[in-house]
Amino acid sequence: ILMDMQMPEMDGIEATVKIRELGGEWTSLPIVALTANVMENDRDACTRAGMDGFLTKPVRRDELLRVLQRWGRERLERAA
């Protein structure tokens, strides 16, 4: 999941917490924050909520590909 941190009704932190609370496979589904905020405390809040990664906006193509390759490869290895 590429999670926008600033959504109109529920922010990305709250949405991530709710997803993780579903349990089961939802606890291991990769969630990567998309945000313009780059402060260390923003990254820490994402990690505490259960996010697996962090991308800053504007998203650079190489960074997005790196994140997608990382999580795609890890999920494939777990399934094998």
Protein backbone atom coordinates (compact mmCIF):
# COMPACT_ATOMS: atom_id res chain seq x y z
CA ILE A 1 0.00 0.00 0.00
CA LEU A 2 1.30 3.46 -0.87
CA MET A 3 -0.29 5.43 1.98
CA ASP A 4 -0.88 9.13 1.53
CA MET A 5 -0.32 10.77 4.89
CA GLN A 6 -2.75 13.66 4.36
CA MET A 7 -6.16 12.37 3.36
CA PRO A 8 -9.41 14.29 3.96
CA GLU A 9 -11.22 12.11 6.51
CA MET A 10 -8.50 9.94 8.01
CA ASP A 11 -4.75 10.53 7.94
CA GLY A 12 -2.26 7.86 6.93
CA ILE A 13 -1.25 7.08 10.52
CA GLU A 14 -4.83 6.35 11.57
CA ALA A 15 -5.51 4.34 8.42
CA THR A 16 -2.36 2.25 8.97
CA VAL A 17 -3.27 1.53 12.59
CA LYS A 18 -6.75 0.40 11.51
CA ILE A 19 -5.30 -1.86 8.80
CA ARG A 20 -2.84 -3.45 11.23
CA GLU A 21 -5.65 -4.02 13.76
CA LEU A 22 -7.40 -6.25 11.22
CA GLY A 23 -4.80 -8.91 12.02
CA GLY A 24 -3.95 -11.92 9.88
CA GLU A 25 -2.30 -11.15 6.57
CA TRP A 26 -2.98 -7.44 7.11
CA THR A 27 -0.19 -7.34 9.68
CA SER A 28 2.45 -8.20 7.08
CA LEU A 29 1.10 -6.24 4.11
CA PRO A 30 3.77 -3.64 3.22
CA ILE A 31 2.62 -0.07 3.83
CA VAL A 32 4.81 2.79 2.63
CA ALA A 33 4.13 6.39 3.63
CA LEU A 34 3.89 9.09 0.97
CA THR A 35 4.44 12.50 2.49
CA ALA A 36 5.96 15.92 1.96
CA ASN A 37 7.05 15.96 5.62
CA VAL A 38 10.64 14.82 5.97
CA MET A 39 11.34 15.45 9.64
CA GLU A 40 12.71 12.56 11.71
CA ASN A 41 9.67 12.65 14.02
CA ASP A 42 7.41 12.15 10.97
CA ARG A 43 9.36 9.02 10.03
CA ASP A 44 9.20 7.80 13.62
CA ALA A 45 5.42 8.27 13.72
CA CYS A 46 5.08 6.20 10.54
CA THR A 47 7.20 3.41 12.01
CA ARG A 48 5.25 3.42 15.29
CA ALA A 49 1.97 3.14 13.35
CA GLY A 50 3.26 0.01 11.61
CA MET A 51 4.45 1.36 8.28
CA ASP A 52 7.30 -0.39 6.53
CA GLY A 53 8.77 2.45 4.51
CA PHE A 54 8.74 6.12 3.77
CA LEU A 55 8.78 8.07 0.49
CA THR A 56 8.87 11.84 0.27
CA LYS A 57 6.87 13.88 -2.20
CA PRO A 58 7.49 14.62 -4.91
CA VAL A 59 8.26 10.95 -5.36
CA ARG A 60 11.34 10.23 -7.42
CA ARG A 61 11.00 7.36 -9.85
CA ASP A 62 14.18 5.62 -8.68
CA GLU A 63 13.08 5.72 -5.04
CA LEU A 64 9.62 4.35 -5.87
CA LEU A 65 11.15 1.51 -7.89
CA ARG A 66 13.55 0.72 -5.05
CA VAL A 67 10.67 0.43 -2.56
CA LEU A 68 8.52 -1.64 -4.92
CA GLN A 69 11.39 -4.01 -5.69
CA ARG A 70 12.23 -4.44 -2.02
CA TRP A 71 8.73 -5.31 -0.86
CA GLY A 72 7.84 -7.29 -3.96
CA ARG A 73 10.97 -9.45 -3.60
CA GLU A 74 10.42 -10.02 0.14
CA ARG A 75 6.79 -11.10 -0.38
CA LEU A 76 7.80 -13.47 -3.17
CA GLU A 77 10.53 -15.02 -1.01
CA ARG A 78 8.08 -15.58 1.87
CA ALA A 79 5.60 -17.26 -0.47
CA ALA A 80 8.20 -19.68 -1.85
